[in-house]
Amino acid sequence: MAKSFHCDNCGEAVSPDEERCPGCGRFFRAVKCPVCGYTGKGAEFLRGCPVCGYLADSYDKTPQDKKKKKDSFLSMSRMFAYSAIFFLSAVLVYLIYLFTKI
């Protein structure tokens, strides 16, 4: 599936390397992703949005890419869980200290 960009002003199809719209002549400074709002040069979007992956072809994603995303999520989940356990144990130690002081 070929990627296509369209002018926001007139709707004309525009190639990613053009600086002006062939239909209305509007000057393009950047391309904006309609999903996440990331703005960058057209060449960055040739394989879809570099931030959220909007319009990225499914064959571009290898199983290793999916595994990296899953591993990243798991590591963030573990970090959150460890932080929560640390916080709750600190609160518990403080409460024990308060009740034994009375």
PDB file of N, CA and C in Angstrom:
ATOM      1  N   MET A   1       0.849  -1.175   0.000  1.00  0.00           N
ATOM      2  CA  MET A   1       0.000   0.000   0.000  1.00  0.00           C
ATOM      3  C   MET A   1       0.898   1.243   0.000  1.00  0.00           C
ATOM      4  N   ALA A   2       0.734   2.065  -1.002  1.00  0.00           N
ATOM      5  CA  ALA A   2       1.537   3.276  -1.095  1.00  0.00           C
ATOM      6  C   ALA A   2       0.964   4.346  -0.178  1.00  0.00           C
ATOM      7  N   LYS A   3       1.847   5.062   0.474  1.00  0.00           N
ATOM      8  CA  LYS A   3       1.423   6.139   1.356  1.00  0.00           C
ATOM      9  C   LYS A   3       1.081   7.353   0.506  1.00  0.00           C
ATOM     10  N   SER A   4       0.035   8.042   0.867  1.00  0.00           N
ATOM     11  CA  SER A   4      -0.311   9.256   0.152  1.00  0.00           C
ATOM     12  C   SER A   4      -0.599  10.354   1.154  1.00  0.00           C
ATOM     13  N   PHE A   5      -0.161  11.534   0.809  1.00  0.00           N
ATOM     14  CA  PHE A   5      -0.394  12.712   1.614  1.00  0.00           C
ATOM     15  C   PHE A   5      -1.338  13.613   0.841  1.00  0.00           C
ATOM     16  N   HIS A   6      -2.171  14.331   1.552  1.00  0.00           N
ATOM     17  CA  HIS A   6      -3.128  15.229   0.911  1.00  0.00           C
ATOM     18  C   HIS A   6      -3.036  16.611   1.543  1.00  0.00           C
ATOM     19  N   CYS A   7      -3.216  17.614   0.712  1.00  0.00           N
ATOM     20  CA  CYS A   7      -3.194  18.999   1.168  1.00  0.00           C
ATOM     21  C   CYS A   7      -4.418  19.259   2.044  1.00  0.00           C
ATOM     22  N   ASP A   8      -4.200  19.874   3.208  1.00  0.00           N
ATOM     23  CA  ASP A   8      -5.316  20.221   4.093  1.00  0.00           C
ATOM     24  C   ASP A   8      -6.179  21.334   3.496  1.00  0.00           C
ATOM     25  N   ASN A   9      -5.590  22.106   2.611  1.00  0.00           N
ATOM     26  CA  ASN A   9      -6.292  23.259   2.049  1.00  0.00           C
ATOM     27  C   ASN A   9      -7.234  22.857   0.906  1.00  0.00           C
ATOM     28  N   CYS A  10      -6.716  22.079  -0.067  1.00  0.00           N
ATOM     29  CA  CYS A  10      -7.532  21.766  -1.248  1.00  0.00           C
ATOM     30  C   CYS A  10      -7.813  20.273  -1.424  1.00  0.00           C
ATOM     31  N   GLY A  11      -7.115  19.399  -0.686  1.00  0.00           N
ATOM     32  CA  GLY A  11      -7.344  17.966  -0.782  1.00  0.00           C
ATOM     33  C   GLY A  11      -6.560  17.276  -1.882  1.00  0.00           C
ATOM     34  N   GLU A  12      -5.737  17.995  -2.598  1.00  0.00           N
ATOM     35  CA  GLU A  12      -4.934  17.442  -3.689  1.00  0.00           C
ATOM     36  C   GLU A  12      -3.888  16.472  -3.134  1.00  0.00           C
ATOM     37  N   ALA A  13      -3.633  15.378  -3.864  1.00  0.00           N
ATOM     38  CA  ALA A  13      -2.597  14.426  -3.461  1.00  0.00           C
ATOM     39  C   ALA A  13      -1.229  15.074  -3.625  1.00  0.00           C
ATOM     40  N   VAL A  14      -0.373  14.894  -2.630  1.00  0.00           N
ATOM     41  CA  VAL A  14       0.948  15.521  -2.619  1.00  0.00           C
ATOM     42  C   VAL A  14       1.982  14.454  -2.277  1.00  0.00           C
ATOM     43  N   SER A  15       3.106  14.445  -3.002  1.00  0.00           N
ATOM     44  CA  SER A  15       4.154  13.486  -2.655  1.00  0.00           C
ATOM     45  C   SER A  15       4.895  13.978  -1.413  1.00  0.00           C
ATOM     46  N   PRO A  16       5.503  13.052  -0.644  1.00  0.00           N
ATOM     47  CA  PRO A  16       6.125  13.439   0.628  1.00  0.00           C
ATOM     48  C   PRO A  16       7.287  14.416   0.500  1.00  0.00           C
ATOM     49  N   ASP A  17       7.937  14.468  -0.657  1.00  0.00           N
ATOM     50  CA  ASP A  17       9.112  15.332  -0.786  1.00  0.00           C
ATOM     51  C   ASP A  17       8.791  16.708  -1.375  1.00  0.00           C
ATOM     52  N   GLU A  18       7.544  16.978  -1.703  1.00  0.00           N
ATOM     53  CA  GLU A  18       7.180  18.294  -2.245  1.00  0.00           C
ATOM     54  C   GLU A  18       7.043  19.321  -1.139  1.00  0.00           C
ATOM     55  N   GLU A  19       7.422  20.564  -1.454  1.00  0.00           N
ATOM     56  CA  GLU A  19       7.312  21.650  -0.491  1.00  0.00           C
ATOM     57  C   GLU A  19       6.066  22.491  -0.715  1.00  0.00           C
ATOM     58  N   ARG A  20       5.471  22.382  -1.897  1.00  0.00           N
ATOM     59  CA  ARG A  20       4.257  23.147  -2.219  1.00  0.00           C
ATOM     60  C   ARG A  20       3.217  22.205  -2.807  1.00  0.00           C
ATOM     61  N   CYS A  21       1.966  22.532  -2.550  1.00  0.00           N
ATOM     62  CA  CYS A  21       0.857  21.756  -3.096  1.00  0.00           C
ATOM     63  C   CYS A  21       0.766  22.016  -4.599  1.00  0.00           C
ATOM     64  N   PRO A  22       0.672  20.955  -5.425  1.00  0.00           N
ATOM     65  CA  PRO A  22       0.553  21.178  -6.866  1.00  0.00           C
ATOM     66  C   PRO A  22      -0.804  21.766  -7.263  1.00  0.00           C
ATOM     67  N   GLY A  23      -1.799  21.634  -6.400  1.00  0.00           N
ATOM     68  CA  GLY A  23      -3.130  22.148  -6.716  1.00  0.00           C
ATOM     69  C   GLY A  23      -3.302  23.614  -6.370  1.00  0.00           C
ATOM     70  N   CYS A  24      -3.006  23.982  -5.120  1.00  0.00           N
ATOM     71  CA  CYS A  24      -3.275  25.356  -4.675  1.00  0.00           C
ATOM     72  C   CYS A  24      -2.012  26.162  -4.392  1.00  0.00           C
ATOM     73  N   GLY A  25      -0.838  25.510  -4.356  1.00  0.00           N
ATOM     74  CA  GLY A  25       0.416  26.220  -4.132  1.00  0.00           C
ATOM     75  C   GLY A  25       0.740  26.474  -2.672  1.00  0.00           C
ATOM     76  N   ARG A  26      -0.035  25.920  -1.774  1.00  0.00           N
ATOM     77  CA  ARG A  26       0.222  26.129  -0.347  1.00  0.00           C
ATOM     78  C   ARG A  26       1.582  25.536   0.035  1.00  0.00           C
ATOM     79  N   PHE A  27       2.331  26.275   0.826  1.00  0.00           N
ATOM     80  CA  PHE A  27       3.661  25.853   1.273  1.00  0.00           C
ATOM     81  C   PHE A  27       3.526  24.925   2.476  1.00  0.00           C
ATOM     82  N   PHE A  28       4.200  23.789   2.418  1.00  0.00           N
ATOM     83  CA  PHE A  28       4.180  22.831   3.522  1.00  0.00           C
ATOM     84  C   PHE A  28       5.446  22.962   4.347  1.00  0.00           C
ATOM     85  N   ARG A  29       5.303  23.141   5.626  1.00  0.00           N
ATOM     86  CA  ARG A  29       6.443  23.162   6.535  1.00  0.00           C
ATOM     87  C   ARG A  29       6.622  21.810   7.183  1.00  0.00           C
ATOM     88  N   ALA A  30       5.507  21.091   7.396  1.00  0.00           N
ATOM     89  CA  ALA A  30       5.577  19.816   8.090  1.00  0.00           C
ATOM     90  C   ALA A  30       4.320  19.005   7.808  1.00  0.00           C
ATOM     91  N   VAL A  31       4.379  17.735   8.198  1.00  0.00           N
ATOM     92  CA  VAL A  31       3.242  16.832   8.125  1.00  0.00           C
ATOM     93  C   VAL A  31       2.796  16.568   9.551  1.00  0.00           C
ATOM     94  N   LYS A  32       1.482  16.517   9.763  1.00  0.00           N
ATOM     95  CA  LYS A  32       0.953  16.281  11.103  1.00  0.00           C
ATOM     96  C   LYS A  32       0.144  14.987  11.104  1.00  0.00           C
ATOM     97  N   CYS A  33       0.420  14.114  12.070  1.00  0.00           N
ATOM     98  CA  CYS A  33      -0.321  12.862  12.208  1.00  0.00           C
ATOM     99  C   CYS A  33      -1.720  13.181  12.730  1.00  0.00           C
ATOM    100  N   PRO A  34      -2.770  12.657  12.086  1.00  0.00           N
ATOM    101  CA  PRO A  34      -4.125  12.945  12.557  1.00  0.00           C
ATOM    102  C   PRO A  34      -4.499  12.209  13.839  1.00  0.00           C
ATOM    103  N   VAL A  35      -3.721  11.211  14.223  1.00  0.00           N
ATOM    104  CA  VAL A  35      -4.038  10.427  15.426  1.00  0.00           C
ATOM    105  C   VAL A  35      -3.365  11.002  16.666  1.00  0.00           C
ATOM    106  N   CYS A  36      -2.025  11.099  16.633  1.00  0.00           N
ATOM    107  CA  CYS A  36      -1.302  11.525  17.839  1.00  0.00           C
ATOM    108  C   CYS A  36      -0.875  12.988  17.803  1.00  0.00           C
ATOM    109  N   GLY A  37      -0.945  13.621  16.624  1.00  0.00           N
ATOM    110  CA  GLY A  37      -0.600  15.032  16.522  1.00  0.00           C
ATOM    111  C   GLY A  37       0.878  15.313  16.324  1.00  0.00           C
ATOM    112  N   TYR A  38       1.714  14.265  16.156  1.00  0.00           N
ATOM    113  CA  TYR A  38       3.149  14.480  15.932  1.00  0.00           C
ATOM    114  C   TYR A  38       3.347  15.230  14.622  1.00  0.00           C
ATOM    115  N   THR A  39       4.233  16.215  14.625  1.00  0.00           N
ATOM    116  CA  THR A  39       4.533  17.000  13.445  1.00  0.00           C
ATOM    117  C   THR A  39       5.991  16.807  13.071  1.00  0.00           C
ATOM    118  N   GLY A  40       6.240  16.533  11.800  1.00  0.00           N
ATOM    119  CA  GLY A  40       7.608  16.335  11.329  1.00  0.00           C
ATOM    120  C   GLY A  40       7.661  16.439   9.811  1.00  0.00           C
ATOM    121  N   LYS A  41       8.828  16.207   9.253  1.00  0.00           N
ATOM    122  CA  LYS A  41       9.011  16.261   7.804  1.00  0.00           C
ATOM    123  C   LYS A  41       8.314  15.069   7.156  1.00  0.00           C
ATOM    124  N   GLY A  42       7.912  15.251   5.907  1.00  0.00           N
ATOM    125  CA  GLY A  42       7.200  14.209   5.184  1.00  0.00           C
ATOM    126  C   GLY A  42       7.983  12.920   5.069  1.00  0.00           C
ATOM    127  N   ALA A  43       9.300  13.026   4.945  1.00  0.00           N
ATOM    128  CA  ALA A  43      10.131  11.824   4.815  1.00  0.00           C
ATOM    129  C   ALA A  43      10.068  10.946   6.063  1.00  0.00           C
ATOM    130  N   GLU A  44       9.785  11.522   7.217  1.00  0.00           N
ATOM    131  CA  GLU A  44       9.670  10.737   8.442  1.00  0.00           C
ATOM    132  C   GLU A  44       8.435   9.842   8.436  1.00  0.00           C
ATOM    133  N   PHE A  45       7.444  10.201   7.636  1.00  0.00           N
ATOM    134  CA  PHE A  45       6.160   9.503   7.634  1.00  0.00           C
ATOM    135  C   PHE A  45       6.038   8.471   6.515  1.00  0.00           C
ATOM    136  N   LEU A  46       7.105   8.172   5.798  1.00  0.00           N
ATOM    137  CA  LEU A  46       7.013   7.243   4.683  1.00  0.00           C
ATOM    138  C   LEU A  46       6.593   5.844   5.122  1.00  0.00           C
ATOM    139  N   ARG A  47       6.937   5.445   6.316  1.00  0.00           N
ATOM    140  CA  ARG A  47       6.550   4.125   6.834  1.00  0.00           C
ATOM    141  C   ARG A  47       5.458   4.255   7.893  1.00  0.00           C
ATOM    142  N   GLY A  48       4.715   5.345   7.849  1.00  0.00           N
ATOM    143  CA  GLY A  48       3.681   5.612   8.845  1.00  0.00           C
ATOM    144  C   GLY A  48       4.200   6.613   9.857  1.00  0.00           C
ATOM    145  N   CYS A  49       3.355   6.960  10.810  1.00  0.00           N
ATOM    146  CA  CYS A  49       3.765   7.915  11.837  1.00  0.00           C
ATOM    147  C   CYS A  49       4.890   7.316  12.679  1.00  0.00           C
ATOM    148  N   PRO A  50       6.010   8.049  12.856  1.00  0.00           N
ATOM    149  CA  PRO A  50       7.116   7.504  13.639  1.00  0.00           C
ATOM    150  C   PRO A  50       6.812   7.385  15.126  1.00  0.00           C
ATOM    151  N   VAL A  51       5.754   8.030  15.602  1.00  0.00           N
ATOM    152  CA  VAL A  51       5.425   7.984  17.027  1.00  0.00           C
ATOM    153  C   VAL A  51       4.378   6.910  17.323  1.00  0.00           C
ATOM    154  N   CYS A  52       3.230   6.990  16.653  1.00  0.00           N
ATOM    155  CA  CYS A  52       2.141   6.058  16.988  1.00  0.00           C
ATOM    156  C   CYS A  52       1.972   4.934  15.976  1.00  0.00           C
ATOM    157  N   GLY A  53       2.644   5.015  14.808  1.00  0.00           N
ATOM    158  CA  GLY A  53       2.550   3.955  13.813  1.00  0.00           C
ATOM    159  C   GLY A  53       1.342   4.051  12.902  1.00  0.00           C
ATOM    160  N   TYR A  54       0.607   5.161  12.944  1.00  0.00           N
ATOM    161  CA  TYR A  54      -0.559   5.328  12.087  1.00  0.00           C
ATOM    162  C   TYR A  54      -0.168   5.159  10.629  1.00  0.00           C
ATOM    163  N   LEU A  55      -0.897   4.356   9.892  1.00  0.00           N
ATOM    164  CA  LEU A  55      -0.688   4.014   8.481  1.00  0.00           C
ATOM    165  C   LEU A  55       0.539   3.147   8.228  1.00  0.00           C
ATOM    166  N   ALA A  56       1.147   2.595   9.264  1.00  0.00           N
ATOM    167  CA  ALA A  56       2.266   1.675   9.047  1.00  0.00           C
ATOM    168  C   ALA A  56       1.704   0.364   8.535  1.00  0.00           C
ATOM    169  N   ASP A  57       2.346  -0.209   7.534  1.00  0.00           N
ATOM    170  CA  ASP A  57       1.893  -1.487   6.990  1.00  0.00           C
ATOM    171  C   ASP A  57       2.143  -2.595   7.989  1.00  0.00           C
ATOM    172  N   SER A  58       1.261  -3.563   8.000  1.00  0.00           N
ATOM    173  CA  SER A  58       1.393  -4.667   8.956  1.00  0.00           C
ATOM    174  C   SER A  58       2.638  -5.502   8.665  1.00  0.00           C
ATOM    175  N   TYR A  59       3.072  -5.574   7.410  1.00  0.00           N
ATOM    176  CA  TYR A  59       4.272  -6.359   7.105  1.00  0.00           C
ATOM    177  C   TYR A  59       5.548  -5.639   7.516  1.00  0.00           C
ATOM    178  N   ASP A  60       5.468  -4.353   7.834  1.00  0.00           N
ATOM    179  CA  ASP A  60       6.640  -3.619   8.324  1.00  0.00           C
ATOM    180  C   ASP A  60       6.990  -4.028   9.747  1.00  0.00           C
ATOM    181  N   LYS A  61       6.021  -4.510  10.485  1.00  0.00           N
ATOM    182  CA  LYS A  61       6.255  -4.875  11.879  1.00  0.00           C
ATOM    183  C   LYS A  61       6.675  -6.334  11.949  1.00  0.00           C
ATOM    184  N   THR A  62       7.858  -6.556  12.421  1.00  0.00           N
ATOM    185  CA  THR A  62       8.352  -7.916  12.574  1.00  0.00           C
ATOM    186  C   THR A  62       7.973  -8.433  13.952  1.00  0.00           C
ATOM    187  N   PRO A  63       8.020  -9.747  14.151  1.00  0.00           N
ATOM    188  CA  PRO A  63       7.728 -10.282  15.483  1.00  0.00           C
ATOM    189  C   PRO A  63       8.662  -9.717  16.553  1.00  0.00           C
ATOM    190  N   GLN A  64       9.894  -9.366  16.173  1.00  0.00           N
ATOM    191  CA  GLN A  64      10.827  -8.790  17.144  1.00  0.00           C
ATOM    192  C   GLN A  64      10.333  -7.424  17.606  1.00  0.00           C
ATOM    193  N   ASP A  65       9.758  -6.618  16.683  1.00  0.00           N
ATOM    194  CA  ASP A  65       9.225  -5.312  17.061  1.00  0.00           C
ATOM    195  C   ASP A  65       8.077  -5.458  18.044  1.00  0.00           C
ATOM    196  N   LYS A  66       7.207  -6.437  17.791  1.00  0.00           N
ATOM    197  CA  LYS A  66       6.083  -6.663  18.693  1.00  0.00           C
ATOM    198  C   LYS A  66       6.579  -7.134  20.054  1.00  0.00           C
ATOM    199  N   LYS A  67       7.631  -7.982  20.050  1.00  0.00           N
ATOM    200  CA  LYS A  67       8.187  -8.478  21.302  1.00  0.00           C
ATOM    201  C   LYS A  67       8.818  -7.335  22.096  1.00  0.00           C
ATOM    202  N   LYS A  68       9.513  -6.414  21.416  1.00  0.00           N
ATOM    203  CA  LYS A  68      10.114  -5.271  22.094  1.00  0.00           C
ATOM    204  C   LYS A  68       9.050  -4.421  22.779  1.00  0.00           C
ATOM    205  N   LYS A  69       7.928  -4.208  22.082  1.00  0.00           N
ATOM    206  CA  LYS A  69       6.848  -3.407  22.647  1.00  0.00           C
ATOM    207  C   LYS A  69       6.260  -4.100  23.874  1.00  0.00           C
ATOM    208  N   LYS A  70       6.090  -5.430  23.783  1.00  0.00           N
ATOM    209  CA  LYS A  70       5.547  -6.188  24.902  1.00  0.00           C
ATOM    210  C   LYS A  70       6.522  -6.170  26.070  1.00  0.00           C
ATOM    211  N   ASP A  71       7.817  -6.372  25.800  1.00  0.00           N
ATOM    212  CA  ASP A  71       8.824  -6.347  26.856  1.00  0.00           C
ATOM    213  C   ASP A  71       8.890  -4.984  27.522  1.00  0.00           C
ATOM    214  N   SER A  72       8.754  -3.931  26.740  1.00  0.00           N
ATOM    215  CA  SER A  72       8.772  -2.580  27.296  1.00  0.00           C
ATOM    216  C   SER A  72       7.583  -2.372  28.233  1.00  0.00           C
ATOM    217  N   PHE A  73       6.409  -2.851  27.824  1.00  0.00           N
ATOM    218  CA  PHE A  73       5.224  -2.730  28.660  1.00  0.00           C
ATOM    219  C   PHE A  73       5.396  -3.519  29.955  1.00  0.00           C
ATOM    220  N   LEU A  74       5.949  -4.726  29.844  1.00  0.00           N
ATOM    221  CA  LEU A  74       6.141  -5.545  31.041  1.00  0.00           C
ATOM    222  C   LEU A  74       7.138  -4.910  31.997  1.00  0.00           C
ATOM    223  N   SER A  75       8.202  -4.330  31.464  1.00  0.00           N
ATOM    224  CA  SER A  75       9.187  -3.707  32.350  1.00  0.00           C
ATOM    225  C   SER A  75       8.592  -2.484  33.045  1.00  0.00           C
ATOM    226  N   MET A  76       7.752  -1.722  32.344  1.00  0.00           N
ATOM    227  CA  MET A  76       7.103  -0.578  32.974  1.00  0.00           C
ATOM    228  C   MET A  76       6.107  -1.042  34.037  1.00  0.00           C
ATOM    229  N   SER A  77       5.410  -2.147  33.764  1.00  0.00           N
ATOM    230  CA  SER A  77       4.459  -2.687  34.743  1.00  0.00           C
ATOM    231  C   SER A  77       5.188  -3.149  35.995  1.00  0.00           C
ATOM    232  N   ARG A  78       6.314  -3.819  35.794  1.00  0.00           N
ATOM    233  CA  ARG A  78       7.106  -4.274  36.942  1.00  0.00           C
ATOM    234  C   ARG A  78       7.615  -3.092  37.759  1.00  0.00           C
ATOM    235  N   MET A  79       8.080  -2.058  37.073  1.00  0.00           N
ATOM    236  CA  MET A  79       8.586  -0.883  37.764  1.00  0.00           C
ATOM    237  C   MET A  79       7.471  -0.231  38.594  1.00  0.00           C
ATOM    238  N   PHE A  80       6.269  -0.158  38.035  1.00  0.00           N
ATOM    239  CA  PHE A  80       5.139   0.400  38.771  1.00  0.00           C
ATOM    240  C   PHE A  80       4.808  -0.473  39.980  1.00  0.00           C
ATOM    241  N   ALA A  81       4.801  -1.787  39.792  1.00  0.00           N
ATOM    242  CA  ALA A  81       4.476  -2.692  40.891  1.00  0.00           C
ATOM    243  C   ALA A  81       5.513  -2.580  42.010  1.00  0.00           C
ATOM    244  N   TYR A  82       6.786  -2.543  41.665  1.00  0.00           N
ATOM    245  CA  TYR A  82       7.834  -2.420  42.686  1.00  0.00           C
ATOM    246  C   TYR A  82       7.721  -1.077  43.421  1.00  0.00           C
ATOM    247  N   SER A  83       7.402  -0.019  42.698  1.00  0.00           N
ATOM    248  CA  SER A  83       7.243   1.289  43.335  1.00  0.00           C
ATOM    249  C   SER A  83       6.064   1.285  44.306  1.00  0.00           C
ATOM    250  N   ALA A  84       4.969   0.647  43.896  1.00  0.00           N
ATOM    251  CA  ALA A  84       3.796   0.577  44.762  1.00  0.00           C
ATOM    252  C   ALA A  84       4.089  -0.238  46.018  1.00  0.00           C
ATOM    253  N   ILE A  85       4.791  -1.346  45.865  1.00  0.00           N
ATOM    254  CA  ILE A  85       5.143  -2.180  47.018  1.00  0.00           C
ATOM    255  C   ILE A  85       6.053  -1.412  47.967  1.00  0.00           C
ATOM    256  N   PHE A  86       7.033  -0.701  47.428  1.00  0.00           N
ATOM    257  CA  PHE A  86       7.936   0.084  48.255  1.00  0.00           C
ATOM    258  C   PHE A  86       7.168   1.160  49.019  1.00  0.00           C
ATOM    259  N   PHE A  87       6.277   1.869  48.331  1.00  0.00           N
ATOM    260  CA  PHE A  87       5.501   2.923  48.968  1.00  0.00           C
ATOM    261  C   PHE A  87       4.613   2.354  50.078  1.00  0.00           C
ATOM    262  N   LEU A  88       3.912   1.270  49.802  1.00  0.00           N
ATOM    263  CA  LEU A  88       3.028   0.684  50.809  1.00  0.00           C
ATOM    264  C   LEU A  88       3.804   0.146  52.012  1.00  0.00           C
ATOM    265  N   SER A  89       4.974  -0.432  51.766  1.00  0.00           N
ATOM    266  CA  SER A  89       5.767  -0.919  52.893  1.00  0.00           C
ATOM    267  C   SER A  89       6.293   0.248  53.730  1.00  0.00           C
ATOM    268  N   ALA A  90       6.642   1.361  53.097  1.00  0.00           N
ATOM    269  CA  ALA A  90       7.089   2.534  53.847  1.00  0.00           C
ATOM    270  C   ALA A  90       5.949   3.087  54.701  1.00  0.00           C
ATOM    271  N   VAL A  91       4.750   3.106  54.163  1.00  0.00           N
ATOM    272  CA  VAL A  91       3.586   3.563  54.931  1.00  0.00           C
ATOM    273  C   VAL A  91       3.332   2.621  56.100  1.00  0.00           C
ATOM    274  N   LEU A  92       3.439   1.322  55.869  1.00  0.00           N
ATOM    275  CA  LEU A  92       3.225   0.338  56.929  1.00  0.00           C
ATOM    276  C   LEU A  92       4.263   0.500  58.041  1.00  0.00           C
ATOM    277  N   VAL A  93       5.520   0.687  57.692  1.00  0.00           N
ATOM    278  CA  VAL A  93       6.571   0.889  58.697  1.00  0.00           C
ATOM    279  C   VAL A  93       6.288   2.153  59.499  1.00  0.00           C
ATOM    280  N   TYR A  94       5.869   3.214  58.839  1.00  0.00           N
ATOM    281  CA  TYR A  94       5.556   4.463  59.529  1.00  0.00           C
ATOM    282  C   TYR A  94       4.377   4.284  60.493  1.00  0.00           C
ATOM    283  N   LEU A  95       3.341   3.571  60.062  1.00  0.00           N
ATOM    284  CA  LEU A  95       2.190   3.325  60.936  1.00  0.00           C
ATOM    285  C   LEU A  95       2.581   2.481  62.143  1.00  0.00           C
ATOM    286  N   ILE A  96       3.411   1.487  61.937  1.00  0.00           N
ATOM    287  CA  ILE A  96       3.878   0.656  63.064  1.00  0.00           C
ATOM    288  C   ILE A  96       4.673   1.512  64.041  1.00  0.00           C
ATOM    289  N   TYR A  97       5.502   2.383  63.509  1.00  0.00           N
ATOM    290  CA  TYR A  97       6.281   3.287  64.356  1.00  0.00           C
ATOM    291  C   TYR A  97       5.373   4.181  65.193  1.00  0.00           C
ATOM    292  N   LEU A  98       4.313   4.742  64.541  1.00  0.00           N
ATOM    293  CA  LEU A  98       3.388   5.613  65.264  1.00  0.00           C
ATOM    294  C   LEU A  98       2.648   4.872  66.365  1.00  0.00           C
ATOM    295  N   PHE A  99       2.178   3.661  66.106  1.00  0.00           N
ATOM    296  CA  PHE A  99       1.415   2.919  67.111  1.00  0.00           C
ATOM    297  C   PHE A  99       2.283   2.368  68.238  1.00  0.00           C
ATOM    298  N   THR A 100       3.526   2.069  67.961  1.00  0.00           N
ATOM    299  CA  THR A 100       4.391   1.569  69.034  1.00  0.00           C
ATOM    300  C   THR A 100       4.925   2.704  69.897  1.00  0.00           C
ATOM    301  N   LYS A 101       4.876   3.913  69.411  1.00  0.00           N
ATOM    302  CA  LYS A 101       5.353   5.072  70.159  1.00  0.00           C
ATOM    303  C   LYS A 101       4.338   5.478  71.220  1.00  0.00           C
ATOM    304  N   ILE A 102       3.103   5.148  71.026  1.00  0.00           N
ATOM    305  CA  ILE A 102       2.043   5.572  71.969  1.00  0.00           C
ATOM    306  C   ILE A 102       2.147   4.858  73.272  1.00  0.00           C
TER     307      ILE A 102
END
